[in-house]
Amino acid sequence: MREILDAALADADTAVEWRSVPLPNSYRALTVHRDETEIFQGIESGQRDPQVSLHLDEVPVPPLAPGEALIAVMASSINYNTVWSAIFHPLPTFVFLDRYARRGGAASRHDRPYHVLGSDLAGIVLRVGAGVHRWKPGDRVVSHCLSVELESPDGHDDAMLDPEQRIWGYETNFGGLAELALVRSNQLMPKPEHLTWEEAACSGLVHSTAYRQLVSRNGADMKQGDIVLIWGACGGLGSYATQLVLNGGAVPVCVVSSTAKAEICHHMGVEHIIDRAAEGFAFWNEDARPNPREWRRLGACIRELTGGEDPDIVFEHPGRETFGASVYVTRRGGTIVTCASTTGYEHSFDNRYLWTNLKRIVGTHFANYREAWLANRLIARSVIHPTLSATLPLDNAPLAIKRVQQNAHVGKIGVLCLAPAEGLGVTDPARRELALPQLKLFAGL
């Protein structure tokens, strides 16, 4: 592993040089263990501490299959799916790995007594499998998290509809919170040259997800002038949604949970902000029934900000806690676009407000390769910026995951894997200098 790092720091830049770097037999990786899936038995999901189940293990390097690439991971980042993996909720991810392994062949490698987590990375291609032509050893890359078979016709119009579509590092093994990672070559995209490793690693999952939800015709198909309600506008997903709305000529109404987060939105250029903590919204009564009075109060707050207009689009990802309110406040004929459901999957809403007002609920899940590529291009062109607020070493990744679980963060938390320090990996300092104010907006928060 030392030789890989030395080559990275020396900026070895030819495929021949990188092919001469020997591969180790094993690498360090953040894992959960199959024999510990019952350790939280009887504990509510919100009370489960992911730090209890996470391990930093030395694991063997997996063999390459055709169409794959082995990546030296310089940095990664934390997503909420890693929280789910760590607390074995809504079910242990070994269920996904077992199902995948039953396909046989190369898929059987994913059945291990451990699961290497992580669905983001920025790094360097070490080796490529048979049939890979676009990428070569030494290429600096980021990865999106769509792993797909494309053996069914269903996936060839939109890969997210493929019945064998999986999220890498969550529904597959050998994820990005590690020194090495195994990906399909069609997960790779060029690393934005003006970004550090940790900045480049933090956008793949959340930005691509937000892009599909808002911009793509597979999501809300956002137009200029649309009013867009964004829940959690300073979080990992919401901070990219806010930028996409602003950049797309639409009007964001950002919901945040503190005055500090409201101030960040102001610095991003947002005019309309609702501090839900200050407003004290309670969308559920003590008897666990929805509270329509609070839905109406939220709608009044929105109209007061927008000059009497309701949202054309609601960017939904909290799920159970907010979904009823989201359906209610959307304008007649508007769209609720939803993913994630981090506060719970069982949604409750009054269907009268949906059906009689001709509203639409659109479900979206990550993004196809084209959508992820276009999202990454926006970052490479400094149109959208990473929202990195903190970076921890791989040894402290369990603490970072705990912070995300508790919503005790803003933007994204990065993780250094092979990179020995922050600030490395920039190859376009001139572009970086121009983007620096936006790149530092979330820093230290």
Protein backbone atom coordinates (compact mmCIF):
# COMPACT_ATOMS: atom_id res chain seq x y z
CA MET A 1 0.00 0.00 0.00
CA ARG A 2 2.96 2.30 0.66
CA GLU A 3 4.05 2.00 -2.98
CA ILE A 4 0.57 2.93 -4.19
CA LEU A 5 0.54 6.02 -2.00
CA ASP A 6 4.07 6.99 -3.06
CA ALA A 7 3.02 6.78 -6.72
CA ALA A 8 -0.06 8.91 -6.04
CA LEU A 9 1.93 11.58 -4.21
CA ALA A 10 4.62 11.57 -6.90
CA ASP A 11 1.94 12.14 -9.56
CA ALA A 12 2.90 9.12 -11.60
CA ASP A 13 1.03 9.84 -14.80
CA THR A 14 1.39 6.97 -17.25
CA ALA A 15 -0.43 3.68 -17.39
CA VAL A 16 2.92 1.90 -17.63
CA GLU A 17 4.09 3.44 -14.37
CA TRP A 18 0.89 2.51 -12.60
CA ARG A 19 0.85 -1.03 -13.93
CA SER A 20 4.30 -1.50 -12.42
CA VAL A 21 3.03 -0.63 -8.93
CA PRO A 22 2.44 -3.95 -7.16
CA LEU A 23 -0.93 -4.72 -5.63
CA PRO A 24 -1.11 -5.63 -1.94
CA ASN A 25 -2.75 -8.82 -0.75
CA SER A 26 -5.06 -6.93 1.62
CA TYR A 27 -6.28 -3.46 2.49
CA ARG A 28 -7.98 -1.58 5.32
CA ALA A 29 -11.74 -1.17 5.04
CA LEU A 30 -14.70 -0.06 7.14
CA THR A 31 -16.98 -3.05 7.60
CA VAL A 32 -19.92 -4.55 9.38
CA HIS A 33 -19.90 -8.24 10.27
CA ARG A 34 -22.43 -10.88 9.34
CA ASP A 35 -22.31 -12.51 12.79
CA GLU A 36 -23.30 -9.25 14.51
CA THR A 37 -26.55 -8.46 12.71
CA GLU A 38 -28.58 -9.20 15.87
CA ILE A 39 -26.64 -6.94 18.26
CA PHE A 40 -29.32 -4.23 18.17
CA GLN A 41 -32.19 -6.64 18.71
CA GLY A 42 -34.98 -4.91 20.67
CA ILE A 43 -33.49 -1.42 20.26
CA GLU A 44 -35.42 1.17 18.24
CA SER A 45 -33.61 2.16 15.07
CA GLY A 46 -33.15 5.76 16.20
CA GLN A 47 -31.42 4.59 19.38
CA ARG A 48 -28.92 2.29 17.68
CA ASP A 49 -25.34 3.55 17.79
CA PRO A 50 -23.54 2.79 14.50
CA GLN A 51 -20.18 3.06 16.24
CA VAL A 52 -20.95 -0.23 18.01
CA SER A 53 -21.20 -2.31 14.84
CA LEU A 54 -18.48 -0.74 12.67
CA HIS A 55 -15.02 -2.24 12.30
CA LEU A 56 -11.82 -1.19 10.58
CA ASP A 57 -10.60 -4.50 9.18
CA GLU A 58 -7.80 -5.78 6.98
CA VAL A 59 -9.59 -7.59 4.14
CA PRO A 60 -8.27 -9.45 1.06
CA VAL A 61 -8.14 -7.69 -2.30
CA PRO A 62 -11.00 -9.06 -4.44
CA PRO A 63 -10.22 -10.44 -7.90
CA LEU A 64 -11.18 -8.32 -10.91
CA ALA A 65 -13.95 -9.47 -13.22
CA PRO A 66 -14.45 -8.32 -16.83
CA GLY A 67 -15.76 -4.76 -17.02
CA GLU A 68 -14.49 -3.79 -13.56
CA ALA A 69 -11.82 -1.51 -12.16
CA LEU A 70 -9.80 -1.62 -8.95
CA ILE A 71 -9.41 1.86 -7.47
CA ALA A 72 -6.91 3.29 -5.00
CA VAL A 73 -9.30 5.30 -2.84
CA MET A 74 -7.81 8.63 -1.83
CA ALA A 75 -11.01 9.86 -0.14
CA SER A 76 -14.64 8.94 0.39
CA SER A 77 -17.65 10.45 2.17
CA ILE A 78 -20.57 9.54 4.41
CA ASN A 79 -24.08 8.97 3.08
CA TYR A 80 -27.19 8.00 4.97
CA ASN A 81 -27.22 4.54 3.42
CA THR A 82 -24.08 3.79 5.45
CA VAL A 83 -26.04 4.69 8.59
CA TRP A 84 -28.67 2.14 7.56
CA SER A 85 -25.98 -0.47 6.93
CA ALA A 86 -24.36 0.16 10.31
CA ILE A 87 -27.58 -0.10 12.34
CA PHE A 88 -28.91 -3.05 10.28
CA HIS A 89 -32.09 -1.13 9.48
CA PRO A 90 -34.51 -1.58 7.84
CA LEU A 91 -32.73 -4.92 7.37
CA PRO A 92 -29.14 -6.18 7.38
CA THR A 93 -27.44 -5.44 4.07
CA PHE A 94 -26.17 -9.03 4.01
CA VAL A 95 -29.65 -9.83 2.66
CA PHE A 96 -28.73 -7.84 -0.45
CA LEU A 97 -25.28 -9.41 -0.72
CA ASP A 98 -26.69 -12.93 -0.43
CA ARG A 99 -29.29 -12.23 -3.10
CA TYR A 100 -26.62 -10.84 -5.43
CA ALA A 101 -24.23 -13.75 -4.79
CA ARG A 102 -26.92 -16.25 -5.82
CA ARG A 103 -26.48 -15.03 -9.41
CA GLY A 104 -23.26 -17.03 -9.37
CA GLY A 105 -20.08 -16.32 -11.27
CA ALA A 106 -18.35 -13.07 -10.36
CA ALA A 107 -21.32 -12.04 -8.20
CA SER A 108 -20.47 -14.81 -5.71
CA ARG A 109 -17.46 -12.73 -4.54
CA HIS A 110 -19.88 -10.40 -2.74
CA ASP A 111 -20.90 -13.11 -0.24
CA ARG A 112 -18.42 -12.50 2.57
CA PRO A 113 -18.60 -12.57 6.38
CA TYR A 114 -18.06 -8.81 6.20
CA HIS A 115 -19.51 -5.97 4.17
CA VAL A 116 -17.17 -3.17 3.04
CA LEU A 117 -19.31 -0.03 3.14
CA GLY A 118 -19.33 3.29 1.31
CA SER A 119 -20.96 4.63 -1.85
CA ASP A 120 -18.60 7.47 -2.83
CA LEU A 121 -14.94 7.74 -3.77
CA ALA A 122 -12.30 9.82 -5.45
CA GLY A 123 -9.13 8.01 -6.39
CA ILE A 124 -6.84 6.54 -9.00
CA VAL A 125 -7.41 3.55 -11.28
CA LEU A 126 -4.98 0.76 -10.38
CA ARG A 127 -6.14 -2.06 -12.64
CA VAL A 128 -8.91 -2.67 -15.14
CA GLY A 129 -10.55 -5.94 -16.09
CA ALA A 130 -11.02 -7.45 -19.51
CA GLY A 131 -13.14 -5.40 -21.88
CA VAL A 132 -12.44 -2.02 -20.24
CA HIS A 133 -11.22 0.47 -22.85
CA ARG A 134 -12.20 3.95 -21.68
CA TRP A 135 -10.20 3.88 -18.44
CA LYS A 136 -6.60 2.91 -17.73
CA PRO A 137 -4.30 2.69 -14.68
CA GLY A 138 -3.37 6.15 -13.44
CA ASP A 139 -6.64 7.85 -14.38
CA ARG A 140 -7.95 10.16 -11.65
CA VAL A 141 -11.61 9.38 -11.16
CA VAL A 142 -14.70 9.73 -9.06
CA SER A 143 -17.40 7.08 -8.94
CA HIS A 144 -21.15 7.13 -8.92
CA CYS A 145 -22.91 4.33 -7.07
CA LEU A 146 -25.09 2.66 -9.72
CA SER A 147 -24.17 -0.99 -10.24
CA VAL A 148 -26.34 -2.49 -12.95
CA GLU A 149 -26.39 -5.67 -15.05
CA LEU A 150 -28.33 -4.39 -18.12
CA GLU A 151 -29.26 -7.90 -19.21
CA SER A 152 -32.95 -7.00 -19.16
CA PRO A 153 -34.54 -4.75 -21.82
CA ASP A 154 -36.15 -2.75 -19.01
CA GLY A 155 -32.88 -1.04 -18.15
CA HIS A 156 -31.94 0.13 -21.62
CA ASP A 157 -34.18 3.20 -21.68
CA ASP A 158 -33.33 4.10 -18.08
CA ALA A 159 -30.77 1.98 -16.21
CA MET A 160 -32.52 2.70 -12.91
CA LEU A 161 -35.43 0.54 -14.13
CA ASP A 162 -33.21 -2.52 -14.57
CA PRO A 163 -34.39 -5.30 -12.25
CA GLU A 164 -30.75 -6.02 -11.36
CA GLN A 165 -29.89 -2.42 -10.42
CA ARG A 166 -28.02 -2.07 -7.12
CA ILE A 167 -26.38 0.66 -5.07
CA TRP A 168 -22.65 -0.01 -4.86
CA GLY A 169 -21.34 -0.18 -1.30
CA TYR A 170 -24.85 -0.70 0.08
CA GLU A 171 -26.34 -3.54 -1.97
CA THR A 172 -22.92 -4.70 -3.17
CA ASN A 173 -19.64 -5.34 -1.38
CA PHE A 174 -16.20 -3.70 -1.72
CA GLY A 175 -17.39 -0.10 -1.22
CA GLY A 176 -15.54 3.18 -1.00
CA LEU A 177 -14.85 3.62 2.74
CA ALA A 178 -11.59 1.76 2.30
CA GLU A 179 -8.09 2.01 0.87
CA LEU A 180 -9.14 0.09 -2.25
CA ALA A 181 -12.51 -0.36 -3.92
CA LEU A 182 -13.99 -2.47 -6.68
CA VAL A 183 -16.36 -0.80 -9.15
CA ARG A 184 -17.76 -1.36 -12.60
CA SER A 185 -15.96 0.71 -15.21
CA ASN A 186 -19.25 2.40 -16.14
CA GLN A 187 -19.40 3.86 -12.64
CA LEU A 188 -16.32 5.98 -13.30
CA MET A 189 -16.22 9.67 -14.18
CA PRO A 190 -13.31 12.13 -14.47
CA LYS A 191 -12.24 13.73 -11.21
CA PRO A 192 -12.86 17.52 -11.32
CA GLU A 193 -9.35 18.91 -11.61
CA HIS A 194 -9.78 21.93 -9.32
CA LEU A 195 -10.93 19.89 -6.34
CA THR A 196 -9.02 18.17 -3.57
CA TRP A 197 -9.52 14.46 -3.13
CA GLU A 198 -11.92 14.94 -0.22
CA GLU A 199 -13.95 17.59 -2.05
CA ALA A 200 -14.22 15.45 -5.16
CA ALA A 201 -15.35 12.43 -3.12
CA CYS A 202 -18.36 14.01 -1.48
CA SER A 203 -20.71 14.73 -4.40
CA GLY A 204 -21.28 11.53 -6.36
CA LEU A 205 -24.27 10.04 -4.58
CA VAL A 206 -26.12 13.09 -3.28
CA HIS A 207 -25.58 15.40 -6.25
CA SER A 208 -26.57 12.77 -8.80
CA THR A 209 -29.65 11.93 -6.73
CA ALA A 210 -30.68 15.59 -6.50
CA TYR A 211 -30.02 16.07 -10.23
CA ARG A 212 -32.37 13.23 -11.17
CA GLN A 213 -35.01 14.38 -8.69
CA LEU A 214 -35.11 17.96 -9.90
CA VAL A 215 -33.55 18.41 -13.35
CA SER A 216 -34.05 15.13 -15.19
CA ARG A 217 -37.18 14.25 -17.12
CA ASN A 218 -37.18 11.14 -14.91
CA GLY A 219 -37.82 13.40 -11.92
CA ALA A 220 -39.61 16.73 -11.56
CA ASP A 221 -38.31 18.20 -14.86
CA MET A 222 -37.78 21.57 -13.15
CA LYS A 223 -38.31 24.74 -15.21
CA GLN A 224 -37.14 28.32 -14.85
CA GLY A 225 -39.38 30.18 -12.43
CA ASP A 226 -40.60 27.07 -10.59
CA ILE A 227 -40.99 27.49 -6.85
CA VAL A 228 -39.27 24.55 -5.15
CA LEU A 229 -39.67 23.66 -1.46
CA ILE A 230 -36.46 21.99 -0.27
CA TRP A 231 -36.48 20.05 2.99
CA GLY A 232 -33.15 19.86 4.82
CA ALA A 233 -31.61 22.46 2.54
CA CYS A 234 -28.24 22.44 4.32
CA GLY A 235 -27.86 18.67 4.51
CA GLY A 236 -25.94 16.42 2.17
CA LEU A 237 -28.77 16.05 -0.34
CA GLY A 238 -30.49 19.39 0.20
CA SER A 239 -27.34 21.50 -0.20
CA TYR A 240 -26.97 20.23 -3.77
CA ALA A 241 -30.69 20.59 -4.48
CA THR A 242 -30.49 24.23 -3.39
CA GLN A 243 -27.64 24.90 -5.82
CA LEU A 244 -29.43 23.14 -8.68
CA VAL A 245 -32.58 25.18 -8.11
CA LEU A 246 -30.66 28.45 -8.01
CA ASN A 247 -28.56 27.52 -11.03
CA GLY A 248 -31.64 26.41 -12.98
CA GLY A 249 -33.45 29.72 -12.65
CA ALA A 250 -36.04 28.39 -10.21
CA VAL A 251 -36.94 29.82 -6.80
CA PRO A 252 -35.91 27.81 -3.72
CA VAL A 253 -37.84 27.89 -0.47
CA CYS A 254 -35.38 26.29 1.94
CA VAL A 255 -36.41 24.52 5.13
CA VAL A 256 -33.62 24.32 7.72
CA SER A 257 -33.33 23.46 11.40
CA SER A 258 -31.29 26.33 12.86
CA THR A 259 -30.39 29.99 12.41
CA ALA A 260 -26.83 28.95 11.52
CA LYS A 261 -28.11 26.83 8.64
CA ALA A 262 -30.39 29.66 7.56
CA GLU A 263 -27.34 31.90 7.37
CA ILE A 264 -25.56 29.41 5.12
CA CYS A 265 -28.55 29.41 2.77
CA HIS A 266 -28.41 33.20 2.65
CA HIS A 267 -24.75 33.00 1.65
CA MET A 268 -25.70 30.54 -1.09
CA GLY A 269 -28.03 33.18 -2.51
CA VAL A 270 -31.36 31.95 -1.12
CA GLU A 271 -34.00 34.57 -0.34
CA HIS A 272 -36.83 32.44 1.11
CA ILE A 273 -35.96 30.41 4.22
CA ILE A 274 -38.06 28.67 6.87
CA ASP A 275 -36.41 27.72 10.16
CA ARG A 276 -38.58 24.79 11.22
CA ALA A 277 -37.06 24.71 14.69
CA ALA A 278 -37.88 28.37 15.32
CA GLU A 279 -41.38 27.88 13.91
CA GLY A 280 -41.89 24.78 16.06
CA PHE A 281 -43.74 22.77 13.43
CA ALA A 282 -45.31 19.57 14.79
CA PHE A 283 -46.71 17.63 11.85
CA TRP A 284 -47.76 14.74 14.10
CA ASN A 285 -49.96 14.83 17.20
CA GLU A 286 -49.03 13.08 20.43
CA ASP A 287 -51.41 10.25 19.54
CA ALA A 288 -49.29 9.55 16.43
CA ARG A 289 -51.90 10.99 14.08
CA PRO A 290 -51.12 13.58 11.40
CA ASN A 291 -51.74 17.22 12.28
CA PRO A 292 -53.33 18.99 9.26
CA ARG A 293 -53.43 22.28 11.17
CA GLU A 294 -49.62 22.34 10.99
CA TRP A 295 -49.72 21.54 7.27
CA ARG A 296 -51.87 24.62 6.77
CA ARG A 297 -49.53 26.72 8.89
CA LEU A 298 -46.57 25.62 6.76
CA GLY A 299 -48.50 26.51 3.61
CA ALA A 300 -49.21 29.97 4.99
CA CYS A 301 -45.50 30.46 5.77
CA ILE A 302 -44.57 29.54 2.22
CA ARG A 303 -47.16 31.85 0.65
CA GLU A 304 -46.03 34.71 2.87
CA LEU A 305 -42.50 34.32 1.48
CA THR A 306 -43.46 33.81 -2.17
CA GLY A 307 -46.13 36.48 -2.52
CA GLY A 308 -49.02 34.04 -2.29
CA GLU A 309 -47.73 31.18 -4.44
CA ASP A 310 -47.57 27.50 -3.53
CA PRO A 311 -44.60 25.30 -4.52
CA ASP A 312 -44.57 23.86 -8.02
CA ILE A 313 -42.20 21.15 -6.75
CA VAL A 314 -41.52 19.73 -3.30
CA PHE A 315 -38.10 18.11 -2.91
CA GLU A 316 -38.97 15.30 -0.48
CA HIS A 317 -36.50 13.07 1.33
CA PRO A 318 -37.28 13.10 5.10
CA GLY A 319 -40.27 10.83 4.46
CA ARG A 320 -42.69 9.99 7.26
CA GLU A 321 -42.18 13.16 9.30
CA THR A 322 -42.89 15.60 6.47
CA PHE A 323 -44.67 13.77 3.67
CA GLY A 324 -48.23 14.68 4.59
CA ALA A 325 -47.28 18.34 4.77
CA SER A 326 -45.46 18.08 1.44
CA VAL A 327 -48.51 16.72 -0.36
CA TYR A 328 -50.72 19.39 1.19
CA VAL A 329 -48.59 22.45 0.36
CA THR A 330 -47.82 21.53 -3.27
CA ARG A 331 -49.75 23.68 -5.75
CA ARG A 332 -52.60 22.30 -7.85
CA GLY A 333 -51.01 20.20 -10.60
CA GLY A 334 -47.64 20.28 -8.87
CA THR A 335 -45.13 17.53 -8.16
CA ILE A 336 -43.82 15.90 -5.00
CA VAL A 337 -40.56 14.15 -5.92
CA THR A 338 -39.41 11.73 -3.26
CA CYS A 339 -36.52 9.49 -2.22
CA ALA A 340 -34.70 8.28 0.92
CA SER A 341 -37.35 8.60 3.68
CA THR A 342 -34.73 9.04 6.39
CA THR A 343 -37.37 9.60 9.12
CA GLY A 344 -39.40 6.55 8.12
CA TYR A 345 -40.79 4.73 5.08
CA GLU A 346 -44.47 4.55 6.04
CA HIS A 347 -45.96 7.80 4.80
CA SER A 348 -49.32 9.25 5.73
CA PHE A 349 -51.12 11.90 3.70
CA ASP A 350 -54.64 13.01 2.88
CA ASN A 351 -55.28 11.68 -0.61
CA ARG A 352 -58.05 14.23 -1.24
CA TYR A 353 -55.41 16.92 -1.62
CA LEU A 354 -53.57 14.74 -4.13
CA TRP A 355 -56.35 13.44 -6.32
CA THR A 356 -58.75 16.40 -6.43
CA ASN A 357 -55.89 18.85 -7.08
CA LEU A 358 -54.23 16.67 -9.74
CA LYS A 359 -50.87 16.56 -7.98
CA ARG A 360 -48.22 13.96 -8.80
CA ILE A 361 -45.93 11.92 -6.57
CA VAL A 362 -42.77 10.90 -8.44
CA GLY A 363 -40.44 8.35 -6.92
CA THR A 364 -36.78 8.61 -7.84
CA HIS A 365 -33.80 6.52 -6.83
CA PHE A 366 -30.22 7.65 -7.37
CA ALA A 367 -29.50 8.30 -11.10
CA ASN A 368 -28.51 6.58 -14.30
CA TYR A 369 -24.99 6.92 -15.72
CA ARG A 370 -25.92 9.79 -18.04
CA GLU A 371 -27.56 11.77 -15.23
CA ALA A 372 -24.60 11.18 -12.92
CA TRP A 373 -22.18 12.20 -15.70
CA LEU A 374 -24.07 15.45 -16.36
CA ALA A 375 -24.17 16.20 -12.65
CA ASN A 376 -20.42 15.63 -12.38
CA ARG A 377 -19.84 17.89 -15.39
CA LEU A 378 -21.56 20.75 -13.55
CA ILE A 379 -19.08 20.32 -10.71
CA ALA A 380 -16.11 20.08 -13.08
CA ARG A 381 -17.21 23.38 -14.64
CA SER A 382 -17.58 25.04 -11.21
CA VAL A 383 -21.31 25.58 -11.72
CA ILE A 384 -22.19 23.42 -8.71
CA HIS A 385 -19.79 23.16 -5.79
CA PRO A 386 -19.09 20.45 -3.18
CA THR A 387 -20.58 21.22 0.22
CA LEU A 388 -17.83 19.66 2.32
CA SER A 389 -17.98 20.83 5.93
CA ALA A 390 -15.57 18.46 7.70
CA THR A 391 -13.08 15.71 6.90
CA LEU A 392 -12.03 12.86 9.17
CA PRO A 393 -9.51 10.04 8.71
CA LEU A 394 -10.74 6.54 7.93
CA ASP A 395 -10.05 5.53 11.54
CA ASN A 396 -12.68 8.06 12.68
CA ALA A 397 -15.30 7.20 10.06
CA PRO A 398 -17.61 5.65 12.70
CA LEU A 399 -17.79 9.04 14.44
CA ALA A 400 -18.63 10.73 11.12
CA ILE A 401 -21.41 8.19 10.53
CA LYS A 402 -22.80 8.87 13.99
CA ARG A 403 -22.87 12.62 13.22
CA VAL A 404 -24.83 12.01 10.04
CA GLN A 405 -27.27 9.76 11.89
CA GLN A 406 -27.90 12.51 14.43
CA ASN A 407 -28.11 15.27 11.80
CA ALA A 408 -25.25 16.93 13.71
CA HIS A 409 -23.62 18.17 10.52
CA VAL A 410 -24.17 20.41 7.53
CA GLY A 411 -23.41 19.56 3.94
CA LYS A 412 -21.14 16.56 3.62
CA ILE A 413 -18.53 14.88 5.82
CA GLY A 414 -15.49 13.60 3.94
CA VAL A 415 -13.22 10.71 4.87
CA LEU A 416 -9.50 10.46 4.05
CA CYS A 417 -8.65 6.92 2.99
CA LEU A 418 -5.22 6.74 1.34
CA ALA A 419 -4.73 10.51 1.18
CA PRO A 420 -2.43 11.37 4.12
CA ALA A 421 -3.77 14.91 4.55
CA GLU A 422 -6.43 17.31 3.35
CA GLY A 423 -5.79 19.63 0.42
CA LEU A 424 -4.13 17.17 -1.98
CA GLY A 425 -5.12 16.21 -5.51
CA VAL A 426 -5.64 19.62 -7.16
CA THR A 427 -4.40 19.75 -10.78
CA ASP A 428 -6.11 23.01 -11.90
CA PRO A 429 -5.15 25.65 -9.31
CA ALA A 430 -6.33 28.55 -11.49
CA ARG A 431 -9.93 27.28 -11.62
CA ARG A 432 -9.73 26.47 -7.94
CA GLU A 433 -8.77 30.04 -7.09
CA LEU A 434 -11.90 31.32 -8.83
CA ALA A 435 -14.14 28.77 -7.08
CA LEU A 436 -12.56 29.06 -3.63
CA PRO A 437 -15.24 31.27 -1.96
CA GLN A 438 -17.94 28.73 -2.85
CA LEU A 439 -15.74 25.76 -1.95
CA LYS A 440 -15.15 27.18 1.53
CA LEU A 441 -18.77 28.11 2.23
CA PHE A 442 -19.45 24.98 4.30
CA ALA A 443 -15.89 24.49 5.60
CA GLY A 444 -15.56 24.07 9.34
CA LEU A 445 -19.29 23.95 9.96
